[in-house]
Protein backbone atom coordinates (compact mmCIF):
# COMPACT_ATOMS: atom_id res chain seq x y z
CA UNK A 1 -60.93 71.25 84.71
CA UNK A 2 -62.73 70.42 88.01
CA UNK A 3 -65.65 67.99 88.00
CA UNK A 4 -68.21 67.42 91.02
CA UNK A 5 -67.19 64.37 93.22
CA UNK A 6 -68.76 61.17 92.08
CA UNK A 7 -68.94 62.15 88.32
CA UNK A 8 -67.93 59.00 86.12
CA UNK A 9 -65.73 59.92 83.03
CA UNK A 10 -66.85 58.05 80.03
CA UNK A 11 -64.36 57.99 76.98
CA UNK A 12 -65.86 59.03 73.71
CA UNK A 13 -65.99 56.51 71.31
CA UNK A 14 -66.37 57.01 67.31
CA UNK A 15 -69.71 56.23 65.73
CA UNK A 16 -69.57 52.96 64.05
CA UNK A 17 -71.60 54.47 61.09
CA UNK A 18 -69.34 56.86 60.34
CA UNK A 19 -67.65 56.48 56.93
CA UNK A 20 -64.37 56.35 58.26
CA UNK A 21 -65.21 53.73 60.43
CA UNK A 22 -66.81 51.68 57.73
CA UNK A 23 -63.56 51.93 55.37
CA UNK A 24 -61.41 50.52 57.77
CA UNK A 25 -62.70 46.96 57.90
CA UNK A 26 -62.84 47.31 53.98
CA UNK A 27 -59.12 48.02 53.87
CA UNK A 28 -58.09 45.42 56.21
CA UNK A 29 -60.16 42.75 54.29
CA UNK A 30 -58.54 43.85 50.62
CA UNK A 31 -55.17 43.57 52.31
CA UNK A 32 -55.88 40.27 53.58
CA UNK A 33 -57.18 39.18 50.45
CA UNK A 34 -54.14 40.46 48.16
CA UNK A 35 -51.88 38.82 50.97
CA UNK A 36 -53.45 35.60 50.13
CA UNK A 37 -53.85 35.79 46.30
CA UNK A 38 -50.14 36.84 46.05
CA UNK A 39 -47.98 33.96 44.96
CA UNK A 40 -45.43 32.76 47.24
CA UNK A 41 -41.85 33.10 45.95
CA UNK A 42 -40.31 30.02 44.34
CA UNK A 43 -36.98 28.53 46.00
CA UNK A 44 -34.98 29.94 43.37
CA UNK A 45 -36.26 33.46 43.65
CA UNK A 46 -35.47 33.25 47.49
CA UNK A 47 -32.14 32.03 46.95
CA UNK A 48 -31.40 35.17 44.43
CA UNK A 49 -32.95 37.66 47.13
CA UNK A 50 -30.86 35.79 49.74
CA UNK A 51 -27.43 35.90 47.99
CA UNK A 52 -27.65 38.61 45.24
CA UNK A 53 -28.17 42.14 45.99
CA UNK A 54 -29.78 44.46 43.86
CA UNK A 55 -26.45 45.76 42.45
CA UNK A 56 -25.46 42.32 41.52
CA UNK A 57 -28.58 41.50 39.66
CA UNK A 58 -28.17 44.69 37.59
CA UNK A 59 -24.90 43.72 36.96
CA UNK A 60 -25.94 40.06 35.94
CA UNK A 61 -28.58 41.74 33.34
CA UNK A 62 -25.84 44.29 31.65
CA UNK A 63 -23.64 41.21 31.50
CA UNK A 64 -26.14 39.34 29.56
CA UNK A 65 -27.20 42.36 27.26
CA UNK A 66 -24.53 42.11 24.60
CA UNK A 67 -25.35 38.45 23.98
CA UNK A 68 -29.01 38.96 23.75
CA UNK A 69 -28.31 41.98 21.36
CA UNK A 70 -26.13 39.71 19.25
CA UNK A 71 -28.98 37.30 18.76
CA UNK A 72 -30.90 39.92 16.84
CA UNK A 73 -28.55 40.51 13.90
CA UNK A 74 -28.99 37.06 12.34
CA UNK A 75 -32.60 37.48 12.18
CA UNK A 76 -32.11 40.95 10.53
CA UNK A 77 -31.67 41.08 6.48
CA UNK A 78 -28.16 42.22 5.59
CA UNK A 79 -25.37 41.73 3.01
CA UNK A 80 -23.13 38.83 3.13
CA UNK A 81 -20.23 41.51 3.36
CA UNK A 82 -21.55 44.42 5.49
CA UNK A 83 -20.25 47.89 4.23
CA UNK A 84 -17.47 49.39 6.32
CA UNK A 85 -19.77 52.43 7.06
CA UNK A 86 -22.61 50.14 8.00
CA UNK A 87 -20.17 48.20 10.18
CA UNK A 88 -19.10 51.69 11.83
CA UNK A 89 -22.52 52.61 12.80
CA UNK A 90 -23.26 49.03 14.16
CA UNK A 91 -20.08 49.33 16.53
CA UNK A 92 -21.07 52.90 17.54
CA UNK A 93 -24.74 52.16 18.41
CA UNK A 94 -24.33 48.12 19.31
CA UNK A 95 -21.24 48.35 21.04
CA UNK A 96 -19.50 51.77 22.13
CA UNK A 97 -22.97 53.53 23.06
CA UNK A 98 -24.13 50.80 25.28
CA UNK A 99 -20.47 50.85 26.72
CA UNK A 100 -20.58 54.61 27.45
CA UNK A 101 -23.92 54.01 29.35
CA UNK A 102 -22.60 51.23 31.36
CA UNK A 103 -19.75 53.48 32.62
CA UNK A 104 -22.14 56.37 32.90
CA UNK A 105 -24.38 54.50 35.18
CA UNK A 106 -21.66 51.96 36.89
CA UNK A 107 -22.65 52.87 40.57
CA UNK A 108 -26.04 51.11 39.81
CA UNK A 109 -24.46 47.68 39.62
CA UNK A 110 -20.98 48.35 41.23
CA UNK A 111 -20.21 45.93 43.82
CA UNK A 112 -18.06 48.52 45.91
CA UNK A 113 -17.61 52.19 45.73
CA UNK A 114 -13.89 51.49 44.78
CA UNK A 115 -14.49 49.16 42.11
CA UNK A 116 -13.15 50.49 38.60
CA UNK A 117 -15.64 48.76 35.63
CA UNK A 118 -13.71 50.00 32.82
CA UNK A 119 -11.63 46.70 32.57
CA UNK A 120 -14.98 44.92 32.62
CA UNK A 121 -16.19 47.15 29.45
CA UNK A 122 -12.92 47.18 27.67
CA UNK A 123 -13.30 43.17 27.73
CA UNK A 124 -16.23 43.63 25.57
CA UNK A 125 -15.55 46.70 23.27
CA UNK A 126 -11.95 45.90 22.31
CA UNK A 127 -12.12 42.30 20.80
CA UNK A 128 -15.71 43.04 19.51
CA UNK A 129 -15.04 46.20 17.99
CA UNK A 130 -11.72 44.71 16.26
CA UNK A 131 -13.65 41.41 14.98
CA UNK A 132 -16.51 43.18 13.68
CA UNK A 133 -14.23 45.48 11.48
CA UNK A 134 -11.90 42.52 10.53
CA UNK A 135 -14.46 40.12 9.81
CA UNK A 136 -17.09 42.04 8.01
CA UNK A 137 -17.78 38.67 5.73
CA UNK A 138 -18.10 36.40 8.82
CA UNK A 139 -19.84 38.12 11.64
CA UNK A 140 -20.54 34.68 13.25
CA UNK A 141 -17.10 35.20 14.88
CA UNK A 142 -17.68 38.47 16.77
CA UNK A 143 -21.05 37.27 17.74
CA UNK A 144 -19.94 33.99 18.83
CA UNK A 145 -17.27 35.89 21.01
CA UNK A 146 -20.15 38.08 22.60
CA UNK A 147 -22.03 35.33 23.43
CA UNK A 148 -19.27 33.38 25.09
CA UNK A 149 -18.38 36.45 27.27
CA UNK A 150 -22.07 36.93 27.97
CA UNK A 151 -23.55 33.77 28.84
CA UNK A 152 -20.49 31.69 29.51
CA UNK A 153 -18.85 34.26 31.89
CA UNK A 154 -21.89 35.56 33.03
CA UNK A 155 -23.64 32.07 34.05
CA UNK A 156 -20.49 31.20 35.64
CA UNK A 157 -20.71 34.02 38.16
CA UNK A 158 -24.52 33.40 38.29
CA UNK A 159 -24.21 29.96 39.23
CA UNK A 160 -21.37 30.33 41.48
CA UNK A 161 -23.08 32.71 43.64
CA UNK A 162 -26.22 30.74 43.83
CA UNK A 163 -24.74 27.40 44.37
CA UNK A 164 -21.76 28.32 46.59
CA UNK A 165 -20.19 24.87 45.63
CA UNK A 166 -16.78 23.08 46.04
CA UNK A 167 -13.95 25.45 44.84
CA UNK A 168 -11.54 24.48 42.00
CA UNK A 169 -8.07 23.75 43.53
CA UNK A 170 -6.26 26.32 41.76
CA UNK A 171 -8.59 29.14 42.76
CA UNK A 172 -10.65 29.36 45.82
CA UNK A 173 -12.77 32.49 44.17
CA UNK A 174 -13.87 29.78 41.55
CA UNK A 175 -16.37 26.90 41.92
CA UNK A 176 -16.85 23.66 39.67
CA UNK A 177 -20.59 24.56 39.19
CA UNK A 178 -19.48 27.95 37.73
CA UNK A 179 -16.99 26.21 35.55
CA UNK A 180 -19.38 23.63 34.49
CA UNK A 181 -22.20 26.30 33.83
CA UNK A 182 -19.68 28.30 31.79
CA UNK A 183 -18.64 25.34 29.40
CA UNK A 184 -22.52 24.42 29.01
CA UNK A 185 -24.17 27.55 28.74
CA UNK A 186 -21.10 29.15 26.65
CA UNK A 187 -21.43 26.31 24.06
CA UNK A 188 -24.96 26.26 23.80
CA UNK A 189 -25.41 29.85 23.08
CA UNK A 190 -21.98 30.35 21.13
CA UNK A 191 -22.88 27.51 18.70
CA UNK A 192 -26.52 28.67 18.15
CA UNK A 193 -25.30 31.92 17.26
CA UNK A 194 -22.59 31.01 15.15
CA UNK A 195 -24.69 28.40 13.27
CA UNK A 196 -27.42 31.12 12.80
CA UNK A 197 -25.03 33.67 11.28
CA UNK A 198 -22.33 31.31 9.58
CA UNK A 199 -21.67 32.53 6.07
CA UNK A 200 -21.45 30.22 4.03
CA UNK A 201 -24.06 28.10 5.99
CA UNK A 202 -22.48 25.27 7.88
CA UNK A 203 -24.00 22.20 9.59
CA UNK A 204 -24.64 22.39 13.47
CA UNK A 205 -22.03 19.67 14.22
CA UNK A 206 -19.71 21.83 12.24
CA UNK A 207 -20.52 24.94 14.21
CA UNK A 208 -20.24 22.90 17.72
CA UNK A 209 -16.90 21.58 16.49
CA UNK A 210 -15.56 25.34 15.78
CA UNK A 211 -17.11 26.92 19.12
CA UNK A 212 -17.03 24.10 22.05
CA UNK A 213 -13.22 23.77 22.26
CA UNK A 214 -13.05 27.46 22.44
CA UNK A 215 -15.54 27.75 25.22
CA UNK A 216 -13.92 24.69 27.16
CA UNK A 217 -10.38 26.79 26.93
CA UNK A 218 -12.02 29.84 27.79
CA UNK A 219 -13.79 28.51 30.75
CA UNK A 220 -10.50 27.21 32.21
CA UNK A 221 -9.16 30.60 31.47
CA UNK A 222 -11.64 32.29 33.59
CA UNK A 223 -10.94 30.31 36.49
CA UNK A 224 -7.09 31.13 36.55
CA UNK A 225 -5.81 33.44 39.46
CA UNK A 226 -5.13 36.34 37.24
CA UNK A 227 -5.35 40.04 38.20
CA UNK A 228 -6.49 40.82 34.77
CA UNK A 229 -10.38 41.10 34.52
CA UNK A 230 -12.17 38.06 33.48
CA UNK A 231 -14.02 39.98 30.66
CA UNK A 232 -10.37 40.87 29.22
CA UNK A 233 -8.89 37.35 29.31
CA UNK A 234 -11.98 35.57 28.12
CA UNK A 235 -12.52 38.15 25.38
CA UNK A 236 -9.08 38.00 23.98
CA UNK A 237 -8.72 34.35 24.37
CA UNK A 238 -12.11 33.56 22.50
CA UNK A 239 -11.32 36.08 19.72
CA UNK A 240 -7.94 34.60 18.93
CA UNK A 241 -8.87 31.05 19.38
CA UNK A 242 -12.02 31.38 17.24
CA UNK A 243 -9.82 32.86 14.39
CA UNK A 244 -7.66 29.95 14.56
CA UNK A 245 -10.51 27.28 14.63
CA UNK A 246 -12.15 29.45 11.58
CA UNK A 247 -9.04 29.01 9.62
CA UNK A 248 -8.67 25.05 10.38
CA UNK A 249 -12.20 24.04 10.01
CA UNK A 250 -14.32 26.34 8.18
CA UNK A 251 -12.00 28.70 6.05
CA UNK A 252 -12.82 32.51 5.11
CA UNK A 253 -15.04 33.81 2.18
């Protein structure tokens, strides 16, 4: 378009009184207020976000789930000796079904596309299923094993990732912080669930005497440079040693 010589062009401006122009300052003010009111992430959360991907966080949650589920059984009224058909239902819905769900959605928490999650799942399923069927009058045994695998092994990996401290001399992949956390958290949680479910009821010191040595040995086994999955080695070691400890210290019904 041709304009006469000397014509001054003036850019068209939006009227400040238009509804759209009035909404923009309000939107910016609301965003600034929400950013100001949002709590700053704690140092622990910042470390988690920087050192753990979303898959690893979901993996930790899956790892802790059986232990959390085990703590619900002592508060549920049940017979001293659980009937076989009841135990089969508990095994089916409390162990096998979550294991199948974990395998079905394993890509959500696998560390790599080539990782095989089955050994980790079998480390839970096989020893817990066998112990639940064998020890229907002493469910403190399988529940304590579940707590050792869940909280002991789970906390060892979690603390090892967060701290990245000195490594044990015999395995560069395992840290002293992870080993200590395995022993401490595994002993606390497994002793608590053993004491709560023990039949007949035993003092807390007796429960600690039964469980703590097993957790210590399992913590050392978890650090060994073996090709087997940690859940398998820890699960079967805990199951065998707890059966021995129960026989020597408490006895059977």
